[in-house]
Amino acid sequence: MRSMHRLACGAALAILASAASTAVYAQATTGAIRGQVTDQTGQAVGNATVTVTHVPTGSVSTSVTGPDGFYSVRSLRPGGPYRVSATAAGFTTGGVNV
């Protein structure tokens, strides 16, 4: 009877030890916006500066497009709305709310 009690206690301790060492994963607490900057004819605009503004707080993040016009802005505050604008030499500034 005593050995059965020891076995049960040992099994319980092993389960607790393995559960305590399990990795904990949190929810994502940041956002990202990605897209492509194009001109009026649909051609990609490389080397454009993209500015993302979190409207409620006014915090700003920037990125520069690649030669194909694509950009990615990460580590944004969760929620929105955001104001996304792009500037490039020879173009007027354009923007959109998302």
N, C-alpha and C. Protein backbone atom coordinates (compact mmCIF):
# COMPACT_ATOMS: atom_id res chain seq x y z
N MET A 1 0.82 -1.18 0.00
CA MET A 1 0.00 0.00 0.00
C MET A 1 0.86 1.25 0.00
N ARG A 2 1.93 1.21 0.78
CA ARG A 2 2.83 2.35 0.87
C ARG A 2 3.52 2.62 -0.48
N SER A 3 3.92 1.58 -1.16
CA SER A 3 4.58 1.77 -2.46
C SER A 3 3.60 2.33 -3.50
N MET A 4 2.33 1.97 -3.39
CA MET A 4 1.32 2.49 -4.30
C MET A 4 1.14 4.00 -4.07
N HIS A 5 1.18 4.44 -2.83
CA HIS A 5 1.05 5.85 -2.49
C HIS A 5 2.27 6.63 -3.02
N ARG A 6 3.45 6.06 -2.86
CA ARG A 6 4.67 6.69 -3.38
C ARG A 6 4.62 6.82 -4.91
N LEU A 7 4.15 5.78 -5.55
CA LEU A 7 4.04 5.79 -7.01
C LEU A 7 3.07 6.89 -7.47
N ALA A 8 1.94 7.02 -6.79
CA ALA A 8 0.96 8.05 -7.15
C ALA A 8 1.53 9.45 -6.92
N CYS A 9 2.23 9.64 -5.82
CA CYS A 9 2.85 10.94 -5.54
C CYS A 9 3.94 11.25 -6.56
N GLY A 10 4.74 10.26 -6.90
CA GLY A 10 5.80 10.46 -7.89
C GLY A 10 5.22 10.81 -9.25
N ALA A 11 4.15 10.15 -9.65
CA ALA A 11 3.51 10.44 -10.93
C ALA A 11 2.92 11.85 -10.93
N ALA A 12 2.31 12.25 -9.83
CA ALA A 12 1.74 13.59 -9.73
C ALA A 12 2.84 14.64 -9.81
N LEU A 13 3.95 14.42 -9.14
CA LEU A 13 5.07 15.37 -9.20
C LEU A 13 5.65 15.45 -10.61
N ALA A 14 5.75 14.34 -11.29
CA ALA A 14 6.27 14.34 -12.67
C ALA A 14 5.35 15.13 -13.59
N ILE A 15 4.06 14.97 -13.42
CA ILE A 15 3.10 15.72 -14.25
C ILE A 15 3.20 17.21 -13.96
N LEU A 16 3.28 17.57 -12.69
CA LEU A 16 3.42 18.99 -12.33
C LEU A 16 4.71 19.59 -12.88
N ALA A 17 5.80 18.84 -12.79
CA ALA A 17 7.09 19.34 -13.29
C ALA A 17 7.06 19.54 -14.80
N SER A 18 6.45 18.63 -15.53
CA SER A 18 6.39 18.79 -16.99
C SER A 18 5.44 19.91 -17.39
N ALA A 19 4.37 20.10 -16.66
CA ALA A 19 3.44 21.19 -16.96
C ALA A 19 4.06 22.55 -16.65
N ALA A 20 4.88 22.62 -15.63
CA ALA A 20 5.51 23.89 -15.25
C ALA A 20 6.55 24.33 -16.26
N SER A 21 7.13 23.40 -17.00
CA SER A 21 8.18 23.76 -17.95
C SER A 21 7.65 23.99 -19.36
N THR A 22 6.35 23.98 -19.54
CA THR A 22 5.75 24.19 -20.85
C THR A 22 5.91 25.65 -21.26
N ALA A 23 6.22 25.89 -22.51
CA ALA A 23 6.39 27.26 -23.01
C ALA A 23 5.05 27.99 -23.00
N VAL A 24 5.12 29.27 -22.76
CA VAL A 24 3.93 30.11 -22.74
C VAL A 24 4.00 31.05 -23.94
N TYR A 25 2.92 31.13 -24.71
CA TYR A 25 2.86 31.97 -25.88
C TYR A 25 1.81 33.06 -25.67
N ALA A 26 2.19 34.30 -25.93
CA ALA A 26 1.27 35.42 -25.78
C ALA A 26 0.62 35.77 -27.11
N GLN A 27 -0.46 36.51 -27.05
CA GLN A 27 -1.07 37.01 -28.27
C GLN A 27 -0.19 38.10 -28.86
N ALA A 28 -0.28 38.27 -30.15
CA ALA A 28 0.47 39.34 -30.81
C ALA A 28 -0.08 40.68 -30.33
N THR A 29 0.82 41.59 -29.98
CA THR A 29 0.39 42.90 -29.48
C THR A 29 0.83 44.02 -30.40
N THR A 30 1.20 43.69 -31.62
CA THR A 30 1.56 44.70 -32.61
C THR A 30 0.91 44.36 -33.93
N GLY A 31 0.89 45.34 -34.82
CA GLY A 31 0.31 45.12 -36.14
C GLY A 31 1.32 45.43 -37.23
N ALA A 32 0.91 45.23 -38.47
CA ALA A 32 1.77 45.51 -39.62
C ALA A 32 0.90 45.92 -40.80
N ILE A 33 1.47 46.75 -41.63
CA ILE A 33 0.82 47.15 -42.88
C ILE A 33 1.84 46.95 -44.00
N ARG A 34 1.40 46.36 -45.09
CA ARG A 34 2.28 46.19 -46.25
C ARG A 34 1.49 46.50 -47.50
N GLY A 35 2.20 46.88 -48.53
CA GLY A 35 1.52 47.23 -49.77
C GLY A 35 2.50 47.62 -50.85
N GLN A 36 2.00 48.25 -51.88
CA GLN A 36 2.83 48.69 -53.00
C GLN A 36 2.44 50.11 -53.38
N VAL A 37 3.43 50.94 -53.62
CA VAL A 37 3.21 52.30 -54.07
C VAL A 37 3.32 52.31 -55.59
N THR A 38 2.29 52.84 -56.24
CA THR A 38 2.29 52.93 -57.71
C THR A 38 1.90 54.35 -58.13
N ASP A 39 2.23 54.69 -59.36
CA ASP A 39 1.84 56.01 -59.89
C ASP A 39 0.47 55.89 -60.56
N GLN A 40 0.03 56.95 -61.22
CA GLN A 40 -1.29 56.98 -61.83
C GLN A 40 -1.47 55.94 -62.92
N THR A 41 -0.37 55.50 -63.53
CA THR A 41 -0.46 54.52 -64.61
C THR A 41 -0.31 53.09 -64.10
N GLY A 42 -0.08 52.92 -62.80
CA GLY A 42 0.09 51.59 -62.23
C GLY A 42 1.53 51.13 -62.15
N GLN A 43 2.48 51.98 -62.54
CA GLN A 43 3.89 51.61 -62.47
C GLN A 43 4.39 51.73 -61.03
N ALA A 44 5.24 50.80 -60.62
CA ALA A 44 5.79 50.81 -59.27
C ALA A 44 6.67 52.03 -59.05
N VAL A 45 6.61 52.59 -57.84
CA VAL A 45 7.44 53.74 -57.48
C VAL A 45 8.45 53.26 -56.45
N GLY A 46 9.71 53.11 -56.89
CA GLY A 46 10.77 52.68 -55.99
C GLY A 46 11.33 53.86 -55.20
N ASN A 47 11.90 53.54 -54.05
CA ASN A 47 12.56 54.52 -53.19
C ASN A 47 11.61 55.60 -52.68
N ALA A 48 10.33 55.27 -52.55
CA ALA A 48 9.36 56.20 -51.98
C ALA A 48 9.36 56.02 -50.46
N THR A 49 9.16 57.08 -49.73
CA THR A 49 9.07 57.01 -48.28
C THR A 49 7.60 56.86 -47.89
N VAL A 50 7.31 55.79 -47.16
CA VAL A 50 5.95 55.50 -46.70
C VAL A 50 5.87 55.83 -45.22
N THR A 51 4.89 56.65 -44.85
CA THR A 51 4.70 57.04 -43.46
C THR A 51 3.36 56.52 -42.98
N VAL A 52 3.38 55.81 -41.85
CA VAL A 52 2.16 55.28 -41.25
C VAL A 52 1.97 55.99 -39.91
N THR A 53 0.84 56.68 -39.78
CA THR A 53 0.53 57.41 -38.55
C THR A 53 -0.66 56.77 -37.86
N HIS A 54 -0.48 56.42 -36.58
CA HIS A 54 -1.58 55.90 -35.77
C HIS A 54 -2.39 57.12 -35.33
N VAL A 55 -3.58 57.29 -35.89
CA VAL A 55 -4.37 58.51 -35.74
C VAL A 55 -4.67 58.85 -34.27
N PRO A 56 -5.10 57.90 -33.42
CA PRO A 56 -5.43 58.28 -32.05
C PRO A 56 -4.26 58.82 -31.23
N THR A 57 -3.05 58.32 -31.48
CA THR A 57 -1.90 58.72 -30.67
C THR A 57 -0.92 59.63 -31.41
N GLY A 58 -0.97 59.64 -32.74
CA GLY A 58 -0.03 60.43 -33.51
C GLY A 58 1.33 59.79 -33.68
N SER A 59 1.52 58.54 -33.20
CA SER A 59 2.81 57.88 -33.37
C SER A 59 3.04 57.55 -34.84
N VAL A 60 4.29 57.69 -35.29
CA VAL A 60 4.63 57.57 -36.70
C VAL A 60 5.68 56.49 -36.91
N SER A 61 5.50 55.68 -37.95
CA SER A 61 6.49 54.69 -38.40
C SER A 61 6.72 54.91 -39.88
N THR A 62 7.97 54.68 -40.33
CA THR A 62 8.27 54.90 -41.75
C THR A 62 8.97 53.69 -42.34
N SER A 63 8.91 53.63 -43.67
CA SER A 63 9.58 52.58 -44.43
C SER A 63 9.90 53.17 -45.81
N VAL A 64 10.81 52.54 -46.52
CA VAL A 64 11.15 52.95 -47.89
C VAL A 64 10.84 51.79 -48.81
N THR A 65 10.19 52.09 -49.94
CA THR A 65 9.84 51.03 -50.89
C THR A 65 11.09 50.52 -51.60
N GLY A 66 11.00 49.26 -52.01
CA GLY A 66 12.05 48.68 -52.83
C GLY A 66 11.86 49.11 -54.28
N PRO A 67 12.70 48.62 -55.18
CA PRO A 67 12.58 48.98 -56.58
C PRO A 67 11.24 48.56 -57.19
N ASP A 68 10.59 47.56 -56.59
CA ASP A 68 9.29 47.09 -57.08
C ASP A 68 8.12 47.83 -56.44
N GLY A 69 8.40 48.84 -55.59
CA GLY A 69 7.37 49.64 -54.97
C GLY A 69 6.76 49.05 -53.70
N PHE A 70 7.20 47.86 -53.32
CA PHE A 70 6.62 47.22 -52.14
C PHE A 70 7.26 47.73 -50.86
N TYR A 71 6.44 47.78 -49.80
CA TYR A 71 6.91 48.21 -48.47
C TYR A 71 6.23 47.35 -47.41
N SER A 72 6.82 47.34 -46.22
CA SER A 72 6.25 46.67 -45.07
C SER A 72 6.61 47.48 -43.84
N VAL A 73 5.59 47.85 -43.07
CA VAL A 73 5.80 48.58 -41.82
C VAL A 73 5.30 47.69 -40.69
N ARG A 74 6.18 47.36 -39.75
CA ARG A 74 5.84 46.43 -38.66
C ARG A 74 5.92 47.13 -37.32
N SER A 75 5.56 46.41 -36.30
CA SER A 75 5.58 46.87 -34.90
C SER A 75 4.68 48.09 -34.70
N LEU A 76 3.53 48.07 -35.34
CA LEU A 76 2.56 49.14 -35.18
C LEU A 76 1.69 48.88 -33.95
N ARG A 77 1.18 49.96 -33.37
CA ARG A 77 0.25 49.83 -32.26
C ARG A 77 -0.98 49.06 -32.74
N PRO A 78 -1.57 48.23 -31.88
CA PRO A 78 -2.77 47.51 -32.29
C PRO A 78 -3.95 48.46 -32.45
N GLY A 79 -4.85 48.09 -33.30
CA GLY A 79 -6.02 48.92 -33.55
C GLY A 79 -5.73 49.99 -34.59
N GLY A 80 -6.59 50.89 -34.71
CA GLY A 80 -6.41 51.95 -35.69
C GLY A 80 -7.34 53.07 -35.36
N PRO A 81 -7.64 53.91 -36.25
CA PRO A 81 -7.25 53.89 -37.65
C PRO A 81 -5.83 54.41 -37.86
N TYR A 82 -5.30 54.12 -39.04
CA TYR A 82 -3.98 54.58 -39.46
C TYR A 82 -4.13 55.49 -40.67
N ARG A 83 -3.21 56.39 -40.81
CA ARG A 83 -3.10 57.22 -42.03
C ARG A 83 -1.82 56.80 -42.70
N VAL A 84 -1.90 56.32 -43.95
CA VAL A 84 -0.73 55.87 -44.70
C VAL A 84 -0.51 56.85 -45.83
N SER A 85 0.70 57.41 -45.92
CA SER A 85 1.02 58.33 -47.01
C SER A 85 2.38 57.97 -47.60
N ALA A 86 2.59 58.37 -48.85
CA ALA A 86 3.84 58.09 -49.53
C ALA A 86 4.33 59.34 -50.23
N THR A 87 5.65 59.54 -50.18
CA THR A 87 6.27 60.66 -50.89
C THR A 87 7.44 60.13 -51.70
N ALA A 88 7.64 60.71 -52.88
CA ALA A 88 8.76 60.35 -53.75
C ALA A 88 9.10 61.54 -54.62
N ALA A 89 10.35 61.63 -55.00
CA ALA A 89 10.80 62.72 -55.86
C ALA A 89 10.00 62.71 -57.16
N GLY A 90 9.51 63.88 -57.56
CA GLY A 90 8.76 63.99 -58.80
C GLY A 90 7.30 63.66 -58.70
N PHE A 91 6.80 63.32 -57.51
CA PHE A 91 5.39 62.95 -57.31
C PHE A 91 4.80 63.81 -56.20
N THR A 92 3.49 64.01 -56.27
CA THR A 92 2.81 64.68 -55.16
C THR A 92 2.52 63.63 -54.08
N THR A 93 2.43 64.06 -52.84
CA THR A 93 2.17 63.15 -51.74
C THR A 93 0.75 62.62 -51.83
N GLY A 94 0.61 61.32 -51.66
CA GLY A 94 -0.70 60.69 -51.66
C GLY A 94 -0.91 59.96 -50.35
N GLY A 95 -2.15 59.80 -49.93
CA GLY A 95 -2.41 59.11 -48.68
C GLY A 95 -3.77 58.46 -48.66
N VAL A 96 -3.95 57.58 -47.69
CA VAL A 96 -5.20 56.85 -47.51
C VAL A 96 -5.34 56.50 -46.03
N ASN A 97 -6.58 56.47 -45.55
CA ASN A 97 -6.86 56.03 -44.18
C ASN A 97 -7.20 54.55 -44.20
N VAL A 98 -6.64 53.79 -43.25
CA VAL A 98 -6.96 52.37 -43.13
C VAL A 98 -7.25 52.04 -41.69
